[in-house]
PDB file of all heavy atoms in Angstrom:
ATOM      1  N   GLN A   1     101.836  -4.318  31.754  1.00  0.00           N
ATOM      2  CA  GLN A   1     100.698  -4.867  31.021  1.00  0.00           C
ATOM      3  C   GLN A   1      99.378  -4.394  31.631  1.00  0.00           C
ATOM      4  O   GLN A   1      99.185  -4.445  32.847  1.00  0.00           O
ATOM      5  CB  GLN A   1     100.775  -6.402  31.047  1.00  0.00           C
ATOM      6  CG  GLN A   1      99.800  -7.108  30.160  1.00  0.00           C
ATOM      7  CD  GLN A   1     100.030  -8.617  30.163  1.00  0.00           C
ATOM      8  OE1 GLN A   1     100.924  -9.116  30.847  1.00  0.00           O
ATOM      9  NE2 GLN A   1      99.232  -9.347  29.420  1.00  0.00           N
ATOM     10  N   VAL A   2      98.481  -3.942  30.756  1.00  0.00           N
ATOM     11  CA  VAL A   2      97.131  -3.521  31.148  1.00  0.00           C
ATOM     12  C   VAL A   2      96.146  -4.422  30.417  1.00  0.00           C
ATOM     13  O   VAL A   2      96.287  -4.670  29.215  1.00  0.00           O
ATOM     14  CB  VAL A   2      96.890  -2.047  30.771  1.00  0.00           C
ATOM     15  CG1 VAL A   2      95.441  -1.650  31.019  1.00  0.00           C
ATOM     16  CG2 VAL A   2      97.824  -1.140  31.566  1.00  0.00           C
ATOM     17  N   ILE A   3      95.138  -4.908  31.133  1.00  0.00           N
ATOM     18  CA  ILE A   3      94.130  -5.763  30.503  1.00  0.00           C
ATOM     19  C   ILE A   3      92.731  -5.241  30.824  1.00  0.00           C
ATOM     20  O   ILE A   3      92.519  -4.533  31.806  1.00  0.00           O
ATOM     21  CB  ILE A   3      94.243  -7.239  30.951  1.00  0.00           C
ATOM     22  CG1 ILE A   3      94.006  -7.371  32.463  1.00  0.00           C
ATOM     23  CG2 ILE A   3      95.589  -7.815  30.550  1.00  0.00           C
ATOM     24  CD1 ILE A   3      93.859  -8.812  32.926  1.00  0.00           C
ATOM     25  N   ALA A   4      91.792  -5.610  29.968  1.00  0.00           N
ATOM     26  CA  ALA A   4      90.396  -5.237  30.163  1.00  0.00           C
ATOM     27  C   ALA A   4      89.540  -6.181  29.321  1.00  0.00           C
ATOM     28  O   ALA A   4      90.058  -6.949  28.499  1.00  0.00           O
ATOM     29  CB  ALA A   4      90.158  -3.785  29.753  1.00  0.00           C
ATOM     30  N   LEU A   5      88.245  -6.116  29.530  1.00  0.00           N
ATOM     31  CA  LEU A   5      87.290  -6.866  28.723  1.00  0.00           C
ATOM     32  C   LEU A   5      86.445  -5.879  27.918  1.00  0.00           C
ATOM     33  O   LEU A   5      85.983  -4.860  28.457  1.00  0.00           O
ATOM     34  CB  LEU A   5      86.376  -7.719  29.610  1.00  0.00           C
ATOM     35  CG  LEU A   5      87.052  -8.869  30.364  1.00  0.00           C
ATOM     36  CD1 LEU A   5      86.043  -9.559  31.269  1.00  0.00           C
ATOM     37  CD2 LEU A   5      87.650  -9.873  29.391  1.00  0.00           C
ATOM     38  N   ILE A   6      86.259  -6.193  26.658  1.00  0.00           N
ATOM     39  CA  ILE A   6      85.516  -5.307  25.756  1.00  0.00           C
ATOM     40  C   ILE A   6      84.302  -6.050  25.200  1.00  0.00           C
ATOM     41  O   ILE A   6      84.434  -7.156  24.658  1.00  0.00           O
ATOM     42  CB  ILE A   6      86.406  -4.850  24.576  1.00  0.00           C
ATOM     43  CG1 ILE A   6      87.712  -4.230  25.084  1.00  0.00           C
ATOM     44  CG2 ILE A   6      85.634  -3.888  23.685  1.00  0.00           C
ATOM     45  CD1 ILE A   6      87.556  -2.974  25.887  1.00  0.00           C
ATOM     46  N   GLU A   7      83.131  -5.447  25.347  1.00  0.00           N
ATOM     47  CA  GLU A   7      81.935  -5.965  24.691  1.00  0.00           C
ATOM     48  C   GLU A   7      81.863  -5.377  23.287  1.00  0.00           C
ATOM     49  O   GLU A   7      81.980  -4.152  23.112  1.00  0.00           O
ATOM     50  CB  GLU A   7      80.679  -5.569  25.464  1.00  0.00           C
ATOM     51  CG  GLU A   7      80.446  -6.403  26.711  1.00  0.00           C
ATOM     52  CD  GLU A   7      79.136  -6.049  27.401  1.00  0.00           C
ATOM     53  OE1 GLU A   7      78.561  -4.998  27.068  1.00  0.00           O
ATOM     54  OE2 GLU A   7      78.717  -6.806  28.274  1.00  0.00           O
ATOM     55  N   VAL A   8      81.680  -6.228  22.311  1.00  0.00           N
ATOM     56  CA  VAL A   8      81.691  -5.796  20.914  1.00  0.00           C
ATOM     57  C   VAL A   8      80.260  -5.681  20.402  1.00  0.00           C
ATOM     58  O   VAL A   8      79.474  -6.631  20.501  1.00  0.00           O
ATOM     59  CB  VAL A   8      82.480  -6.786  20.043  1.00  0.00           C
ATOM     60  CG1 VAL A   8      82.509  -6.311  18.592  1.00  0.00           C
ATOM     61  CG2 VAL A   8      83.892  -6.968  20.579  1.00  0.00           C
ATOM     62  N   ASP A   9      79.934  -4.507  19.883  1.00  0.00           N
ATOM     63  CA  ASP A   9      78.632  -4.327  19.236  1.00  0.00           C
ATOM     64  C   ASP A   9      78.661  -5.051  17.904  1.00  0.00           C
ATOM     65  O   ASP A   9      79.306  -4.615  16.943  1.00  0.00           O
ATOM     66  CB  ASP A   9      78.341  -2.841  19.010  1.00  0.00           C
ATOM     67  CG  ASP A   9      77.996  -2.111  20.290  1.00  0.00           C
ATOM     68  OD1 ASP A   9      77.544  -2.773  21.240  1.00  0.00           O
ATOM     69  OD2 ASP A   9      78.197  -0.888  20.349  1.00  0.00           O
ATOM     70  N   ALA A  10      77.991  -6.158  17.833  1.00  0.00           N
ATOM     71  CA  ALA A  10      77.962  -6.952  16.603  1.00  0.00           C
ATOM     72  C   ALA A  10      76.563  -7.510  16.450  1.00  0.00           C
ATOM     73  O   ALA A  10      75.869  -7.758  17.443  1.00  0.00           O
ATOM     74  CB  ALA A  10      78.984  -8.089  16.676  1.00  0.00           C
ATOM     75  N   PRO A  11      76.097  -7.709  15.224  1.00  0.00           N
ATOM     76  CA  PRO A  11      74.767  -8.287  15.042  1.00  0.00           C
ATOM     77  C   PRO A  11      74.729  -9.683  15.649  1.00  0.00           C
ATOM     78  O   PRO A  11      75.741 -10.389  15.673  1.00  0.00           O
ATOM     79  CB  PRO A  11      74.602  -8.324  13.519  1.00  0.00           C
ATOM     80  CG  PRO A  11      76.001  -8.287  12.992  1.00  0.00           C
ATOM     81  CD  PRO A  11      76.782  -7.467  13.958  1.00  0.00           C
ATOM     82  N   PRO A  12      73.592 -10.100  16.161  1.00  0.00           N
ATOM     83  CA  PRO A  12      73.501 -11.453  16.718  1.00  0.00           C
ATOM     84  C   PRO A  12      73.924 -12.486  15.687  1.00  0.00           C
ATOM     85  O   PRO A  12      73.592 -12.374  14.503  1.00  0.00           O
ATOM     86  CB  PRO A  12      72.015 -11.594  17.064  1.00  0.00           C
ATOM     87  CG  PRO A  12      71.522 -10.184  17.210  1.00  0.00           C
ATOM     88  CD  PRO A  12      72.323  -9.379  16.223  1.00  0.00           C
ATOM     89  N   VAL A  13      74.680 -13.471  16.139  1.00  0.00           N
ATOM     90  CA  VAL A  13      75.122 -14.513  15.223  1.00  0.00           C
ATOM     91  C   VAL A  13      74.019 -15.529  15.039  1.00  0.00           C
ATOM     92  O   VAL A  13      73.141 -15.689  15.885  1.00  0.00           O
ATOM     93  CB  VAL A  13      76.394 -15.210  15.758  1.00  0.00           C
ATOM     94  CG1 VAL A  13      77.528 -14.204  15.903  1.00  0.00           C
ATOM     95  CG2 VAL A  13      76.126 -15.885  17.096  1.00  0.00           C
ATOM     96  N   ALA A  14      74.081 -16.201  13.895  1.00  0.00           N
ATOM     97  CA  ALA A  14      73.115 -17.270  13.656  1.00  0.00           C
ATOM     98  C   ALA A  14      73.391 -18.415  14.614  1.00  0.00           C
ATOM     99  O   ALA A  14      74.540 -18.715  14.913  1.00  0.00           O
ATOM    100  CB  ALA A  14      73.232 -17.747  12.208  1.00  0.00           C
ATOM    101  N   PRO A  15      72.375 -19.058  15.146  1.00  0.00           N
ATOM    102  CA  PRO A  15      72.615 -20.174  16.070  1.00  0.00           C
ATOM    103  C   PRO A  15      73.310 -21.319  15.359  1.00  0.00           C
ATOM    104  O   PRO A  15      73.185 -21.482  14.140  1.00  0.00           O
ATOM    105  CB  PRO A  15      71.211 -20.572  16.518  1.00  0.00           C
ATOM    106  CG  PRO A  15      70.308 -20.085  15.426  1.00  0.00           C
ATOM    107  CD  PRO A  15      70.937 -18.829  14.893  1.00  0.00           C
ATOM    108  N   PRO A  16      74.092 -22.115  16.099  1.00  0.00           N
ATOM    109  CA  PRO A  16      74.754 -23.259  15.474  1.00  0.00           C
ATOM    110  C   PRO A  16      73.753 -24.153  14.762  1.00  0.00           C
ATOM    111  O   PRO A  16      72.615 -24.329  15.213  1.00  0.00           O
ATOM    112  CB  PRO A  16      75.406 -23.972  16.662  1.00  0.00           C
ATOM    113  CG  PRO A  16      75.565 -22.906  17.700  1.00  0.00           C
ATOM    114  CD  PRO A  16      74.394 -21.996  17.521  1.00  0.00           C
ATOM    115  N   HIS A  17      74.199 -24.685  13.628  1.00  0.00           N
ATOM    116  CA  HIS A  17      73.435 -25.648  12.833  1.00  0.00           C
ATOM    117  C   HIS A  17      72.247 -25.018  12.104  1.00  0.00           C
ATOM    118  O   HIS A  17      71.419 -25.728  11.549  1.00  0.00           O
ATOM    119  CB  HIS A  17      72.960 -26.827  13.689  1.00  0.00           C
ATOM    120  CG  HIS A  17      74.058 -27.445  14.495  1.00  0.00           C
ATOM    121  ND1 HIS A  17      75.178 -27.995  13.924  1.00  0.00           N
ATOM    122  CD2 HIS A  17      74.218 -27.553  15.833  1.00  0.00           C
ATOM    123  CE1 HIS A  17      75.983 -28.441  14.884  1.00  0.00           C
ATOM    124  NE2 HIS A  17      75.431 -28.182  16.047  1.00  0.00           N
ATOM    125  N   SER A  18      72.167 -23.669  12.134  1.00  0.00           N
ATOM    126  CA  SER A  18      71.133 -23.043  11.318  1.00  0.00           C
ATOM    127  C   SER A  18      71.643 -22.945   9.890  1.00  0.00           C
ATOM    128  O   SER A  18      72.803 -23.232   9.598  1.00  0.00           O
ATOM    129  CB  SER A  18      70.803 -21.647  11.853  1.00  0.00           C
ATOM    130  OG  SER A  18      71.854 -20.754  11.554  1.00  0.00           O
ATOM    131  N   ALA A  19      70.783 -22.483   8.989  1.00  0.00           N
ATOM    132  CA  ALA A  19      71.175 -22.434   7.579  1.00  0.00           C
ATOM    133  C   ALA A  19      72.353 -21.502   7.353  1.00  0.00           C
ATOM    134  O   ALA A  19      73.166 -21.715   6.462  1.00  0.00           O
ATOM    135  CB  ALA A  19      69.975 -21.992   6.729  1.00  0.00           C
ATOM    136  N   THR A  20      72.459 -20.432   8.168  1.00  0.00           N
ATOM    137  CA  THR A  20      73.541 -19.470   7.956  1.00  0.00           C
ATOM    138  C   THR A  20      74.679 -19.616   8.954  1.00  0.00           C
ATOM    139  O   THR A  20      75.681 -18.931   8.853  1.00  0.00           O
ATOM    140  CB  THR A  20      72.997 -18.035   8.051  1.00  0.00           C
ATOM    141  OG1 THR A  20      72.405 -17.856   9.338  1.00  0.00           O
ATOM    142  CG2 THR A  20      71.978 -17.781   6.962  1.00  0.00           C
ATOM    143  N   GLY A  21      74.524 -20.460   9.933  1.00  0.00           N
ATOM    144  CA  GLY A  21      75.565 -20.634  10.940  1.00  0.00           C
ATOM    145  C   GLY A  21      75.768 -22.103  11.236  1.00  0.00           C
ATOM    146  O   GLY A  21      75.589 -22.550  12.367  1.00  0.00           O
ATOM    147  N   ALA A  22      76.122 -22.852  10.222  1.00  0.00           N
ATOM    148  CA  ALA A  22      76.100 -24.304  10.305  1.00  0.00           C
ATOM    149  C   ALA A  22      76.940 -24.868  11.430  1.00  0.00           C
ATOM    150  O   ALA A  22      76.601 -25.894  11.994  1.00  0.00           O
ATOM    151  CB  ALA A  22      76.549 -24.894   8.965  1.00  0.00           C
ATOM    152  N   ASP A  23      78.052 -24.260  11.762  1.00  0.00           N
ATOM    153  CA  ASP A  23      78.872 -24.842  12.834  1.00  0.00           C
ATOM    154  C   ASP A  23      79.237 -23.817  13.908  1.00  0.00           C
ATOM    155  O   ASP A  23      80.126 -24.036  14.704  1.00  0.00           O
ATOM    156  CB  ASP A  23      80.150 -25.466  12.257  1.00  0.00           C
ATOM    157  CG  ASP A  23      80.960 -24.470  11.446  1.00  0.00           C
ATOM    158  OD1 ASP A  23      80.604 -23.275  11.464  1.00  0.00           O
ATOM    159  OD2 ASP A  23      81.942 -24.882  10.805  1.00  0.00           O
ATOM    160  N   GLY A  24      78.568 -22.690  13.936  1.00  0.00           N
ATOM    161  CA  GLY A  24      78.809 -21.703  14.982  1.00  0.00           C
ATOM    162  C   GLY A  24      80.045 -20.860  14.793  1.00  0.00           C
ATOM    163  O   GLY A  24      80.417 -20.109  15.681  1.00  0.00           O
ATOM    164  N   ARG A  25      80.712 -20.946  13.654  1.00  0.00           N
ATOM    165  CA  ARG A  25      81.979 -20.235  13.506  1.00  0.00           C
ATOM    166  C   ARG A  25      81.812 -18.727  13.390  1.00  0.00           C
ATOM    167  O   ARG A  25      82.792 -17.994  13.509  1.00  0.00           O
ATOM    168  CB  ARG A  25      82.746 -20.756  12.288  1.00  0.00           C
ATOM    169  CG  ARG A  25      83.282 -22.156  12.520  1.00  0.00           C
ATOM    170  CD  ARG A  25      84.226 -22.532  11.413  1.00  0.00           C
ATOM    171  NE  ARG A  25      84.222 -23.967  11.232  1.00  0.00           N
ATOM    172  CZ  ARG A  25      84.896 -24.600  10.276  1.00  0.00           C
ATOM    173  NH1 ARG A  25      85.592 -23.901   9.409  1.00  0.00           N
ATOM    174  NH2 ARG A  25      84.851 -25.904  10.169  1.00  0.00           N
ATOM    175  N   ASP A  26      80.605 -18.234  13.167  1.00  0.00           N
ATOM    176  CA  ASP A  26      80.418 -16.782  13.169  1.00  0.00           C
ATOM    177  C   ASP A  26      80.727 -16.185  14.533  1.00  0.00           C
ATOM    178  O   ASP A  26      80.907 -14.976  14.658  1.00  0.00           O
ATOM    179  CB  ASP A  26      78.987 -16.429  12.764  1.00  0.00           C
ATOM    180  CG  ASP A  26      78.771 -16.549  11.257  1.00  0.00           C
ATOM    181  OD1 ASP A  26      79.780 -16.665  10.537  1.00  0.00           O
ATOM    182  OD2 ASP A  26      77.620 -16.529  10.817  1.00  0.00           O
ATOM    183  N   ASN A  27      80.779 -17.012  15.590  1.00  0.00           N
ATOM    184  CA  ASN A  27      81.130 -16.532  16.921  1.00  0.00           C
ATOM    185  C   ASN A  27      82.622 -16.259  17.065  1.00  0.00           C
ATOM    186  O   ASN A  27      83.051 -15.669  18.059  1.00  0.00           O
ATOM    187  CB  ASN A  27      80.734 -17.582  17.972  1.00  0.00           C
ATOM    188  CG  ASN A  27      79.232 -17.750  18.075  1.00  0.00           C
ATOM    189  OD1 ASN A  27      78.545 -16.893  18.602  1.00  0.00           O
ATOM    190  ND2 ASN A  27      78.726 -18.863  17.561  1.00  0.00           N
ATOM    191  N   ILE A  28      83.431 -16.717  16.118  1.00  0.00           N
ATOM    192  CA  ILE A  28      84.879 -16.626  16.258  1.00  0.00           C
ATOM    193  C   ILE A  28      85.358 -15.197  16.018  1.00  0.00           C
ATOM    194  O   ILE A  28      85.050 -14.594  14.996  1.00  0.00           O
ATOM    195  CB  ILE A  28      85.578 -17.601  15.282  1.00  0.00           C
ATOM    196  CG1 ILE A  28      85.297 -19.053  15.703  1.00  0.00           C
ATOM    197  CG2 ILE A  28      87.074 -17.334  15.221  1.00  0.00           C
ATOM    198  CD1 ILE A  28      85.811 -20.081  14.724  1.00  0.00           C
ATOM    199  N   SER A  29      86.090 -14.659  16.988  1.00  0.00           N
ATOM    200  CA  SER A  29      86.722 -13.355  16.783  1.00  0.00           C
ATOM    201  C   SER A  29      88.218 -13.499  16.582  1.00  0.00           C
ATOM    202  O   SER A  29      88.879 -12.578  16.105  1.00  0.00           O
ATOM    203  CB  SER A  29      86.451 -12.432  17.974  1.00  0.00           C
ATOM    204  OG  SER A  29      86.931 -12.988  19.182  1.00  0.00           O
ATOM    205  N   GLY A  30      88.787 -14.669  16.948  1.00  0.00           N
ATOM    206  CA  GLY A  30      90.205 -14.909  16.741  1.00  0.00           C
ATOM    207  C   GLY A  30      91.059 -13.968  17.574  1.00  0.00           C
ATOM    208  O   GLY A  30      90.709 -13.584  18.687  1.00  0.00           O
ATOM    209  N   VAL A  31      92.205 -13.585  17.023  1.00  0.00           N
ATOM    210  CA  VAL A  31      93.140 -12.697  17.712  1.00  0.00           C
ATOM    211  C   VAL A  31      93.468 -11.545  16.759  1.00  0.00           C
ATOM    212  O   VAL A  31      93.915 -11.775  15.635  1.00  0.00           O
ATOM    213  CB  VAL A  31      94.423 -13.426  18.128  1.00  0.00           C
ATOM    214  CG1 VAL A  31      95.340 -12.483  18.914  1.00  0.00           C
ATOM    215  CG2 VAL A  31      94.101 -14.668  18.960  1.00  0.00           C
ATOM    216  N   THR A  32      93.262 -10.330  17.222  1.00  0.00           N
ATOM    217  CA  THR A  32      93.512  -9.130  16.421  1.00  0.00           C
ATOM    218  C   THR A  32      94.702  -8.383  16.993  1.00  0.00           C
ATOM    219  O   THR A  32      94.857  -8.267  18.211  1.00  0.00           O
ATOM    220  CB  THR A  32      92.277  -8.212  16.412  1.00  0.00           C
ATOM    221  OG1 THR A  32      91.162  -8.930  15.878  1.00  0.00           O
ATOM    222  CG2 THR A  32      92.528  -6.965  15.575  1.00  0.00           C
ATOM    223  N   TRP A  33      95.529  -7.847  16.098  1.00  0.00           N
ATOM    224  CA  TRP A  33      96.735  -7.124  16.480  1.00  0.00           C
ATOM    225  C   TRP A  33      96.570  -5.646  16.193  1.00  0.00           C
ATOM    226  O   TRP A  33      96.195  -5.256  15.076  1.00  0.00           O
ATOM    227  CB  TRP A  33      97.918  -7.688  15.674  1.00  0.00           C
ATOM    228  CG  TRP A  33      99.245  -7.017  15.889  1.00  0.00           C
ATOM    229  CD1 TRP A  33      99.701  -6.399  17.012  1.00  0.00           C
ATOM    230  CD2 TRP A  33     100.308  -6.921  14.923  1.00  0.00           C
ATOM    231  NE1 TRP A  33     100.986  -5.937  16.822  1.00  0.00           N
ATOM    232  CE2 TRP A  33     101.374  -6.244  15.552  1.00  0.00           C
ATOM    233  CE3 TRP A  33     100.456  -7.357  13.616  1.00  0.00           C
ATOM    234  CZ2 TRP A  33     102.574  -5.974  14.894  1.00  0.00           C
ATOM    235  CZ3 TRP A  33     101.650  -7.096  12.958  1.00  0.00           C
ATOM    236  CH2 TRP A  33     102.696  -6.418  13.596  1.00  0.00           C
ATOM    237  N   LEU A  34      96.827  -4.826  17.206  1.00  0.00           N
ATOM    238  CA  LEU A  34      96.900  -3.380  17.042  1.00  0.00           C
ATOM    239  C   LEU A  34      98.343  -2.987  17.329  1.00  0.00           C
ATOM    240  O   LEU A  34      98.763  -2.879  18.482  1.00  0.00           O
ATOM    241  CB  LEU A  34      95.933  -2.681  17.996  1.00  0.00           C
ATOM    242  CG  LEU A  34      95.719  -1.173  17.819  1.00  0.00           C
ATOM    243  CD1 LEU A  34      95.325  -0.844  16.380  1.00  0.00           C
ATOM    244  CD2 LEU A  34      94.665  -0.660  18.787  1.00  0.00           C
ATOM    245  N   PRO A  35      99.155  -2.787  16.273  1.00  0.00           N
ATOM    246  CA  PRO A  35     100.604  -2.681  16.451  1.00  0.00           C
ATOM    247  C   PRO A  35     101.068  -1.421  17.184  1.00  0.00           C
ATOM    248  O   PRO A  35     100.410  -0.372  17.175  1.00  0.00           O
ATOM    249  CB  PRO A  35     101.143  -2.690  15.010  1.00  0.00           C
ATOM    250  CG  PRO A  35     100.071  -3.337  14.201  1.00  0.00           C
ATOM    251  CD  PRO A  35      98.794  -2.892  14.847  1.00  0.00           C
ATOM    252  N   PHE A  36     102.234  -1.563  17.770  1.00  0.00           N
ATOM    253  CA  PHE A  36     103.013  -0.457  18.322  1.00  0.00           C
ATOM    254  C   PHE A  36     103.236   0.580  17.222  1.00  0.00           C
ATOM    255  O   PHE A  36     103.597   0.235  16.097  1.00  0.00           O
ATOM    256  CB  PHE A  36     104.345  -1.041  18.794  1.00  0.00           C
ATOM    257  CG  PHE A  36     105.325  -0.083  19.407  1.00  0.00           C
ATOM    258  CD1 PHE A  36     105.329   0.159  20.771  1.00  0.00           C
ATOM    259  CD2 PHE A  36     106.290   0.535  18.633  1.00  0.00           C
ATOM    260  CE1 PHE A  36     106.267   1.000  21.347  1.00  0.00           C
ATOM    261  CE2 PHE A  36     107.233   1.383  19.197  1.00  0.00           C
ATOM    262  CZ  PHE A  36     107.214   1.612  20.564  1.00  0.00           C
TER     263      PHE A  36
END
């Protein structure tokens, strides 16, 4: 197993509770699979 940390170039997210980011969920990246 090899691990690393990756910084993602993404536009700044709207702050929580703003009109476009009501609960901060734009920060969610979840889990992505890059298959064998």
